[in-house]
């Protein structure tokens, strides 16, 4: 759990606004707030 949370902090810092990922008929979009 602690290693996963550490990895989550690092991965969250890499989220960029405007990056989208198409999955099926929808999208996952990054934002500054996210």
ModelCIF file with pLDDT and N, C-alpha, C, O atoms, coordinates in Angstrom:
data_MODEL
#
_entry.id   MODEL 
#
_entity.id                         1 
_entity.type                       polymer 
_entity.pdbx_number_of_molecules   1 
#
_entity_poly.entity_id                      1 
_entity_poly.type                           'polypeptide(L)' 
_entity_poly.nstd_linkage                   no 
_entity_poly.nstd_monomer                   no 
_entity_poly.pdbx_seq_one_letter_code       
;(UNK)(UNK)(UNK)(UNK)(UNK)(UNK)(UNK)(UNK)(UNK)(UNK)(UNK)(UNK)(UNK)(UNK)(UNK)(UNK)
(UNK)(UNK)(UNK)(UNK)(UNK)(UNK)(UNK)(UNK)(UNK)(UNK)(UNK)(UNK)(UNK)(UNK)(UNK)(UNK)
(UNK)(UNK)
;
_entity_poly.pdbx_seq_one_letter_code_can   XXXXXXXXXXXXXXXXXXXXXXXXXXXXXXXXXX 
_entity_poly.pdbx_strand_id                 A 
#
loop_
_entity_poly_seq.entity_id 
_entity_poly_seq.num 
_entity_poly_seq.mon_id 
_entity_poly_seq.hetero 
1 1  UNK n 
1 2  UNK n 
1 3  UNK n 
1 4  UNK n 
1 5  UNK n 
1 6  UNK n 
1 7  UNK n 
1 8  UNK n 
1 9  UNK n 
1 10 UNK n 
1 11 UNK n 
1 12 UNK n 
1 13 UNK n 
1 14 UNK n 
1 15 UNK n 
1 16 UNK n 
1 17 UNK n 
1 18 UNK n 
1 19 UNK n 
1 20 UNK n 
1 21 UNK n 
1 22 UNK n 
1 23 UNK n 
1 24 UNK n 
1 25 UNK n 
1 26 UNK n 
1 27 UNK n 
1 28 UNK n 
1 29 UNK n 
1 30 UNK n 
1 31 UNK n 
1 32 UNK n 
1 33 UNK n 
1 34 UNK n 
#
_struct_asym.id          A 
_struct_asym.entity_id   1 
#
loop_
_ma_qa_metric.id 
_ma_qa_metric.mode 
_ma_qa_metric.name 
_ma_qa_metric.software_group_id 
_ma_qa_metric.type 
1 global pLDDT . pLDDT 
2 local  pLDDT . pLDDT 
#
_ma_qa_metric_global.metric_id      1 
_ma_qa_metric_global.metric_value   89.09 
_ma_qa_metric_global.model_id       1 
_ma_qa_metric_global.ordinal_id     1 
#
loop_
_ma_qa_metric_local.label_asym_id 
_ma_qa_metric_local.label_comp_id 
_ma_qa_metric_local.label_seq_id 
_ma_qa_metric_local.metric_id 
_ma_qa_metric_local.metric_value 
_ma_qa_metric_local.model_id 
_ma_qa_metric_local.ordinal_id 
A UNK 1  2 92.00 1 1  
A UNK 2  2 93.00 1 2  
A UNK 3  2 95.00 1 3  
A UNK 4  2 95.00 1 4  
A UNK 5  2 95.00 1 5  
A UNK 6  2 96.00 1 6  
A UNK 7  2 96.00 1 7  
A UNK 8  2 96.00 1 8  
A UNK 9  2 96.00 1 9  
A UNK 10 2 95.00 1 10 
A UNK 11 2 94.00 1 11 
A UNK 12 2 94.00 1 12 
A UNK 13 2 93.00 1 13 
A UNK 14 2 91.00 1 14 
A UNK 15 2 91.00 1 15 
A UNK 16 2 90.00 1 16 
A UNK 17 2 87.00 1 17 
A UNK 18 2 82.00 1 18 
A UNK 19 2 82.00 1 19 
A UNK 20 2 83.00 1 20 
A UNK 21 2 82.00 1 21 
A UNK 22 2 83.00 1 22 
A UNK 23 2 81.00 1 23 
A UNK 24 2 80.00 1 24 
A UNK 25 2 79.00 1 25 
A UNK 26 2 82.00 1 26 
A UNK 27 2 85.00 1 27 
A UNK 28 2 87.00 1 28 
A UNK 29 2 87.00 1 29 
A UNK 30 2 86.00 1 30 
A UNK 31 2 88.00 1 31 
A UNK 32 2 90.00 1 32 
A UNK 33 2 92.00 1 33 
A UNK 34 2 91.00 1 34 
#
loop_
_atom_site.group_PDB 
_atom_site.id 
_atom_site.type_symbol 
_atom_site.label_atom_id 
_atom_site.label_alt_id 
_atom_site.label_comp_id 
_atom_site.label_asym_id 
_atom_site.label_entity_id 
_atom_site.label_seq_id 
_atom_site.pdbx_PDB_ins_code 
_atom_site.Cartn_x 
_atom_site.Cartn_y 
_atom_site.Cartn_z 
_atom_site.occupancy 
_atom_site.B_iso_or_equiv 
_atom_site.pdbx_formal_charge 
_atom_site.auth_seq_id 
_atom_site.auth_comp_id 
_atom_site.auth_asym_id 
_atom_site.auth_atom_id 
_atom_site.pdbx_PDB_model_num 
ATOM 1   N N  . UNK A 1 1  ? 0.809   -1.218 0.000   1.00 92.00 ? 1  UNK A N  1 
ATOM 2   C CA . UNK A 1 1  ? 0.000   0.000  0.000   1.00 92.00 ? 1  UNK A CA 1 
ATOM 3   C C  . UNK A 1 1  ? 0.840   1.265  0.000   1.00 92.00 ? 1  UNK A C  1 
ATOM 4   O O  . UNK A 1 1  ? 0.545   2.207  -0.736  1.00 92.00 ? 1  UNK A O  1 
ATOM 5   N N  . UNK A 1 2  ? 1.880   1.295  0.816   1.00 93.00 ? 2  UNK A N  1 
ATOM 6   C CA . UNK A 1 2  ? 2.730   2.491  0.882   1.00 93.00 ? 2  UNK A CA 1 
ATOM 7   C C  . UNK A 1 2  ? 3.538   2.656  -0.400  1.00 93.00 ? 2  UNK A C  1 
ATOM 8   O O  . UNK A 1 2  ? 3.708   3.775  -0.885  1.00 93.00 ? 2  UNK A O  1 
ATOM 9   N N  . UNK A 1 3  ? 4.035   1.554  -0.950  1.00 95.00 ? 3  UNK A N  1 
ATOM 10  C CA . UNK A 1 3  ? 4.736   1.651  -2.236  1.00 95.00 ? 3  UNK A CA 1 
ATOM 11  C C  . UNK A 1 3  ? 3.784   2.089  -3.348  1.00 95.00 ? 3  UNK A C  1 
ATOM 12  O O  . UNK A 1 3  ? 4.167   2.866  -4.223  1.00 95.00 ? 3  UNK A O  1 
ATOM 13  N N  . UNK A 1 4  ? 2.550   1.597  -3.317  1.00 95.00 ? 4  UNK A N  1 
ATOM 14  C CA . UNK A 1 4  ? 1.553   2.014  -4.296  1.00 95.00 ? 4  UNK A CA 1 
ATOM 15  C C  . UNK A 1 4  ? 1.207   3.485  -4.175  1.00 95.00 ? 4  UNK A C  1 
ATOM 16  O O  . UNK A 1 4  ? 1.046   4.171  -5.185  1.00 95.00 ? 4  UNK A O  1 
ATOM 17  N N  . UNK A 1 5  ? 1.091   3.978  -2.949  1.00 95.00 ? 5  UNK A N  1 
ATOM 18  C CA . UNK A 1 5  ? 0.808   5.400  -2.748  1.00 95.00 ? 5  UNK A CA 1 
ATOM 19  C C  . UNK A 1 5  ? 1.980   6.267  -3.198  1.00 95.00 ? 5  UNK A C  1 
ATOM 20  O O  . UNK A 1 5  ? 1.778   7.354  -3.738  1.00 95.00 ? 5  UNK A O  1 
ATOM 21  N N  . UNK A 1 6  ? 3.193   5.794  -2.980  1.00 96.00 ? 6  UNK A N  1 
ATOM 22  C CA . UNK A 1 6  ? 4.365   6.527  -3.469  1.00 96.00 ? 6  UNK A CA 1 
ATOM 23  C C  . UNK A 1 6  ? 4.361   6.583  -4.994  1.00 96.00 ? 6  UNK A C  1 
ATOM 24  O O  . UNK A 1 6  ? 4.630   7.631  -5.581  1.00 96.00 ? 6  UNK A O  1 
ATOM 25  N N  . UNK A 1 7  ? 4.059   5.467  -5.625  1.00 96.00 ? 7  UNK A N  1 
ATOM 26  C CA . UNK A 1 7  ? 3.960   5.434  -7.082  1.00 96.00 ? 7  UNK A CA 1 
ATOM 27  C C  . UNK A 1 7  ? 2.826   6.315  -7.597  1.00 96.00 ? 7  UNK A C  1 
ATOM 28  O O  . UNK A 1 7  ? 2.945   6.936  -8.653  1.00 96.00 ? 7  UNK A O  1 
ATOM 29  N N  . UNK A 1 8  ? 1.729   6.366  -6.850  1.00 96.00 ? 8  UNK A N  1 
ATOM 30  C CA . UNK A 1 8  ? 0.600   7.206  -7.247  1.00 96.00 ? 8  UNK A CA 1 
ATOM 31  C C  . UNK A 1 8  ? 0.964   8.682  -7.200  1.00 96.00 ? 8  UNK A C  1 
ATOM 32  O O  . UNK A 1 8  ? 0.539   9.450  -8.063  1.00 96.00 ? 8  UNK A O  1 
ATOM 33  N N  . UNK A 1 9  ? 1.747   9.090  -6.201  1.00 96.00 ? 9  UNK A N  1 
ATOM 34  C CA . UNK A 1 9  ? 2.187   10.484 -6.123  1.00 96.00 ? 9  UNK A CA 1 
ATOM 35  C C  . UNK A 1 9  ? 3.043   10.826 -7.337  1.00 96.00 ? 9  UNK A C  1 
ATOM 36  O O  . UNK A 1 9  ? 2.875   11.887 -7.939  1.00 96.00 ? 9  UNK A O  1 
ATOM 37  N N  . UNK A 1 10 ? 3.951   9.940  -7.694  1.00 95.00 ? 10 UNK A N  1 
ATOM 38  C CA . UNK A 1 10 ? 4.831   10.185 -8.844  1.00 95.00 ? 10 UNK A CA 1 
ATOM 39  C C  . UNK A 1 10 ? 4.024   10.217 -10.139 1.00 95.00 ? 10 UNK A C  1 
ATOM 40  O O  . UNK A 1 10 ? 4.238   11.084 -10.987 1.00 95.00 ? 10 UNK A O  1 
ATOM 41  N N  . UNK A 1 11 ? 3.094   9.269  -10.291 1.00 94.00 ? 11 UNK A N  1 
ATOM 42  C CA . UNK A 1 11 ? 2.278   9.229  -11.515 1.00 94.00 ? 11 UNK A CA 1 
ATOM 43  C C  . UNK A 1 11 ? 1.336   10.420 -11.593 1.00 94.00 ? 11 UNK A C  1 
ATOM 44  O O  . UNK A 1 11 ? 1.077   10.928 -12.684 1.00 94.00 ? 11 UNK A O  1 
ATOM 45  N N  . UNK A 1 12 ? 0.819   10.877 -10.456 1.00 94.00 ? 12 UNK A N  1 
ATOM 46  C CA . UNK A 1 12 ? -0.082  12.033 -10.461 1.00 94.00 ? 12 UNK A CA 1 
ATOM 47  C C  . UNK A 1 12 ? 0.640   13.302 -10.885 1.00 94.00 ? 12 UNK A C  1 
ATOM 48  O O  . UNK A 1 12 ? 0.049   14.180 -11.513 1.00 94.00 ? 12 UNK A O  1 
ATOM 49  N N  . UNK A 1 13 ? 1.917   13.396 -10.542 1.00 93.00 ? 13 UNK A N  1 
ATOM 50  C CA . UNK A 1 13 ? 2.687   14.575 -10.940 1.00 93.00 ? 13 UNK A CA 1 
ATOM 51  C C  . UNK A 1 13 ? 2.893   14.625 -12.452 1.00 93.00 ? 13 UNK A C  1 
ATOM 52  O O  . UNK A 1 13 ? 3.164   15.691 -13.005 1.00 93.00 ? 13 UNK A O  1 
ATOM 53  N N  . UNK A 1 14 ? 2.770   13.492 -13.117 1.00 91.00 ? 14 UNK A N  1 
ATOM 54  C CA . UNK A 1 14 ? 2.987   13.440 -14.557 1.00 91.00 ? 14 UNK A CA 1 
ATOM 55  C C  . UNK A 1 14 ? 1.740   13.657 -15.396 1.00 91.00 ? 14 UNK A C  1 
ATOM 56  O O  . UNK A 1 14 ? 1.829   13.684 -16.623 1.00 91.00 ? 14 UNK A O  1 
ATOM 57  N N  . UNK A 1 15 ? 0.576   13.814 -14.769 1.00 91.00 ? 15 UNK A N  1 
ATOM 58  C CA . UNK A 1 15 ? -0.656  14.037 -15.530 1.00 91.00 ? 15 UNK A CA 1 
ATOM 59  C C  . UNK A 1 15 ? -0.596  15.430 -16.152 1.00 91.00 ? 15 UNK A C  1 
ATOM 60  O O  . UNK A 1 15 ? -0.300  16.408 -15.465 1.00 91.00 ? 15 UNK A O  1 
ATOM 61  N N  . UNK A 1 16 ? -0.873  15.518 -17.436 1.00 90.00 ? 16 UNK A N  1 
ATOM 62  C CA . UNK A 1 16 ? -0.828  16.796 -18.159 1.00 90.00 ? 16 UNK A CA 1 
ATOM 63  C C  . UNK A 1 16 ? -2.218  17.188 -18.641 1.00 90.00 ? 16 UNK A C  1 
ATOM 64  O O  . UNK A 1 16 ? -3.017  16.334 -19.024 1.00 90.00 ? 16 UNK A O  1 
ATOM 65  N N  . UNK A 1 17 ? -2.492  18.465 -18.618 1.00 87.00 ? 17 UNK A N  1 
ATOM 66  C CA . UNK A 1 17 ? -3.769  18.987 -19.106 1.00 87.00 ? 17 UNK A CA 1 
ATOM 67  C C  . UNK A 1 17 ? -3.852  18.790 -20.613 1.00 87.00 ? 17 UNK A C  1 
ATOM 68  O O  . UNK A 1 17 ? -2.881  19.022 -21.333 1.00 87.00 ? 17 UNK A O  1 
ATOM 69  N N  . UNK A 1 18 ? -5.005  18.367 -21.076 1.00 82.00 ? 18 UNK A N  1 
ATOM 70  C CA . UNK A 1 18 ? -5.218  18.204 -22.502 1.00 82.00 ? 18 UNK A CA 1 
ATOM 71  C C  . UNK A 1 18 ? -4.882  16.833 -23.035 1.00 82.00 ? 18 UNK A C  1 
ATOM 72  O O  . UNK A 1 18 ? -5.251  16.516 -24.166 1.00 82.00 ? 18 UNK A O  1 
ATOM 73  N N  . UNK A 1 19 ? -4.193  15.999 -22.264 1.00 82.00 ? 19 UNK A N  1 
ATOM 74  C CA . UNK A 1 19 ? -3.908  14.638 -22.715 1.00 82.00 ? 19 UNK A CA 1 
ATOM 75  C C  . UNK A 1 19 ? -5.179  13.809 -22.597 1.00 82.00 ? 19 UNK A C  1 
ATOM 76  O O  . UNK A 1 19 ? -5.772  13.718 -21.522 1.00 82.00 ? 19 UNK A O  1 
ATOM 77  N N  . UNK A 1 20 ? -5.588  13.213 -23.691 1.00 83.00 ? 20 UNK A N  1 
ATOM 78  C CA . UNK A 1 20 ? -6.792  12.397 -23.677 1.00 83.00 ? 20 UNK A CA 1 
ATOM 79  C C  . UNK A 1 20 ? -6.447  10.969 -24.071 1.00 83.00 ? 20 UNK A C  1 
ATOM 80  O O  . UNK A 1 20 ? -5.469  10.710 -24.773 1.00 83.00 ? 20 UNK A O  1 
ATOM 81  N N  . UNK A 1 21 ? -7.266  10.071 -23.606 1.00 82.00 ? 21 UNK A N  1 
ATOM 82  C CA . UNK A 1 21 ? -7.112  8.657  -23.904 1.00 82.00 ? 21 UNK A CA 1 
ATOM 83  C C  . UNK A 1 21 ? -8.482  8.122  -24.285 1.00 82.00 ? 21 UNK A C  1 
ATOM 84  O O  . UNK A 1 21 ? -9.398  8.115  -23.463 1.00 82.00 ? 21 UNK A O  1 
ATOM 85  N N  . UNK A 1 22 ? -8.629  7.672  -25.531 1.00 83.00 ? 22 UNK A N  1 
ATOM 86  C CA . UNK A 1 22 ? -9.908  7.143  -26.006 1.00 83.00 ? 22 UNK A CA 1 
ATOM 87  C C  . UNK A 1 22 ? -10.047 5.689  -25.574 1.00 83.00 ? 22 UNK A C  1 
ATOM 88  O O  . UNK A 1 22 ? -9.189  4.856  -25.867 1.00 83.00 ? 22 UNK A O  1 
ATOM 89  N N  . UNK A 1 23 ? -11.130 5.399  -24.878 1.00 81.00 ? 23 UNK A N  1 
ATOM 90  C CA . UNK A 1 23 ? -11.431 4.039  -24.442 1.00 81.00 ? 23 UNK A CA 1 
ATOM 91  C C  . UNK A 1 23 ? -12.879 3.758  -24.821 1.00 81.00 ? 23 UNK A C  1 
ATOM 92  O O  . UNK A 1 23 ? -13.804 4.371  -24.289 1.00 81.00 ? 23 UNK A O  1 
ATOM 93  N N  . UNK A 1 24 ? -13.058 2.836  -25.736 1.00 80.00 ? 24 UNK A N  1 
ATOM 94  C CA . UNK A 1 24 ? -14.412 2.522  -26.190 1.00 80.00 ? 24 UNK A CA 1 
ATOM 95  C C  . UNK A 1 24 ? -15.038 3.738  -26.851 1.00 80.00 ? 24 UNK A C  1 
ATOM 96  O O  . UNK A 1 24 ? -14.456 4.317  -27.768 1.00 80.00 ? 24 UNK A O  1 
ATOM 97  N N  . UNK A 1 25 ? -16.200 4.121  -26.399 1.00 79.00 ? 25 UNK A N  1 
ATOM 98  C CA . UNK A 1 25 ? -16.878 5.281  -26.953 1.00 79.00 ? 25 UNK A CA 1 
ATOM 99  C C  . UNK A 1 25 ? -16.679 6.535  -26.131 1.00 79.00 ? 25 UNK A C  1 
ATOM 100 O O  . UNK A 1 25 ? -17.295 7.563  -26.415 1.00 79.00 ? 25 UNK A O  1 
ATOM 101 N N  . UNK A 1 26 ? -15.831 6.472  -25.118 1.00 82.00 ? 26 UNK A N  1 
ATOM 102 C CA . UNK A 1 26 ? -15.618 7.623  -24.241 1.00 82.00 ? 26 UNK A CA 1 
ATOM 103 C C  . UNK A 1 26 ? -14.142 7.982  -24.206 1.00 82.00 ? 26 UNK A C  1 
ATOM 104 O O  . UNK A 1 26 ? -13.317 7.355  -24.871 1.00 82.00 ? 26 UNK A O  1 
ATOM 105 N N  . UNK A 1 27 ? -13.831 8.985  -23.432 1.00 85.00 ? 27 UNK A N  1 
ATOM 106 C CA . UNK A 1 27 ? -12.450 9.431  -23.283 1.00 85.00 ? 27 UNK A CA 1 
ATOM 107 C C  . UNK A 1 27 ? -12.139 9.669  -21.821 1.00 85.00 ? 27 UNK A C  1 
ATOM 108 O O  . UNK A 1 27 ? -13.029 9.919  -21.008 1.00 85.00 ? 27 UNK A O  1 
ATOM 109 N N  . UNK A 1 28 ? -10.862 9.586  -21.507 1.00 87.00 ? 28 UNK A N  1 
ATOM 110 C CA . UNK A 1 28 ? -10.343 10.023 -20.219 1.00 87.00 ? 28 UNK A CA 1 
ATOM 111 C C  . UNK A 1 28 ? -9.455  11.213 -20.512 1.00 87.00 ? 28 UNK A C  1 
ATOM 112 O O  . UNK A 1 28 ? -8.492  11.107 -21.271 1.00 87.00 ? 28 UNK A O  1 
ATOM 113 N N  . UNK A 1 29 ? -9.776  12.340 -19.917 1.00 87.00 ? 29 UNK A N  1 
ATOM 114 C CA . UNK A 1 29 ? -9.053  13.571 -20.218 1.00 87.00 ? 29 UNK A CA 1 
ATOM 115 C C  . UNK A 1 29 ? -8.355  14.093 -18.961 1.00 87.00 ? 29 UNK A C  1 
ATOM 116 O O  . UNK A 1 29 ? -8.949  14.162 -17.885 1.00 87.00 ? 29 UNK A O  1 
ATOM 117 N N  . UNK A 1 30 ? -7.103  14.451 -19.120 1.00 86.00 ? 30 UNK A N  1 
ATOM 118 C CA . UNK A 1 30 ? -6.352  15.052 -18.022 1.00 86.00 ? 30 UNK A CA 1 
ATOM 119 C C  . UNK A 1 30 ? -6.636  16.539 -17.927 1.00 86.00 ? 30 UNK A C  1 
ATOM 120 O O  . UNK A 1 30 ? -6.990  17.176 -18.919 1.00 86.00 ? 30 UNK A O  1 
ATOM 121 N N  . UNK A 1 31 ? -6.481  17.086 -16.744 1.00 88.00 ? 31 UNK A N  1 
ATOM 122 C CA . UNK A 1 31 ? -6.662  18.528 -16.541 1.00 88.00 ? 31 UNK A CA 1 
ATOM 123 C C  . UNK A 1 31 ? -5.752  18.967 -15.396 1.00 88.00 ? 31 UNK A C  1 
ATOM 124 O O  . UNK A 1 31 ? -5.225  18.146 -14.645 1.00 88.00 ? 31 UNK A O  1 
ATOM 125 N N  . UNK A 1 32 ? -5.586  20.267 -15.285 1.00 90.00 ? 32 UNK A N  1 
ATOM 126 C CA . UNK A 1 32 ? -4.777  20.792 -14.184 1.00 90.00 ? 32 UNK A CA 1 
ATOM 127 C C  . UNK A 1 32 ? -5.414  20.472 -12.839 1.00 90.00 ? 32 UNK A C  1 
ATOM 128 O O  . UNK A 1 32 ? -4.718  20.128 -11.884 1.00 90.00 ? 32 UNK A O  1 
ATOM 129 N N  . UNK A 1 33 ? -6.747  20.585 -12.764 1.00 92.00 ? 33 UNK A N  1 
ATOM 130 C CA . UNK A 1 33 ? -7.441  20.283 -11.517 1.00 92.00 ? 33 UNK A CA 1 
ATOM 131 C C  . UNK A 1 33 ? -7.271  18.809 -11.144 1.00 92.00 ? 33 UNK A C  1 
ATOM 132 O O  . UNK A 1 33 ? -7.056  18.481 -9.977  1.00 92.00 ? 33 UNK A O  1 
ATOM 133 N N  . UNK A 1 34 ? -7.368  17.937 -12.126 1.00 91.00 ? 34 UNK A N  1 
ATOM 134 C CA . UNK A 1 34 ? -7.193  16.507 -11.872 1.00 91.00 ? 34 UNK A CA 1 
ATOM 135 C C  . UNK A 1 34 ? -5.795  16.221 -11.345 1.00 91.00 ? 34 UNK A C  1 
ATOM 136 O O  . UNK A 1 34 ? -5.462  15.068 -11.073 1.00 91.00 ? 34 UNK A O  1 
#
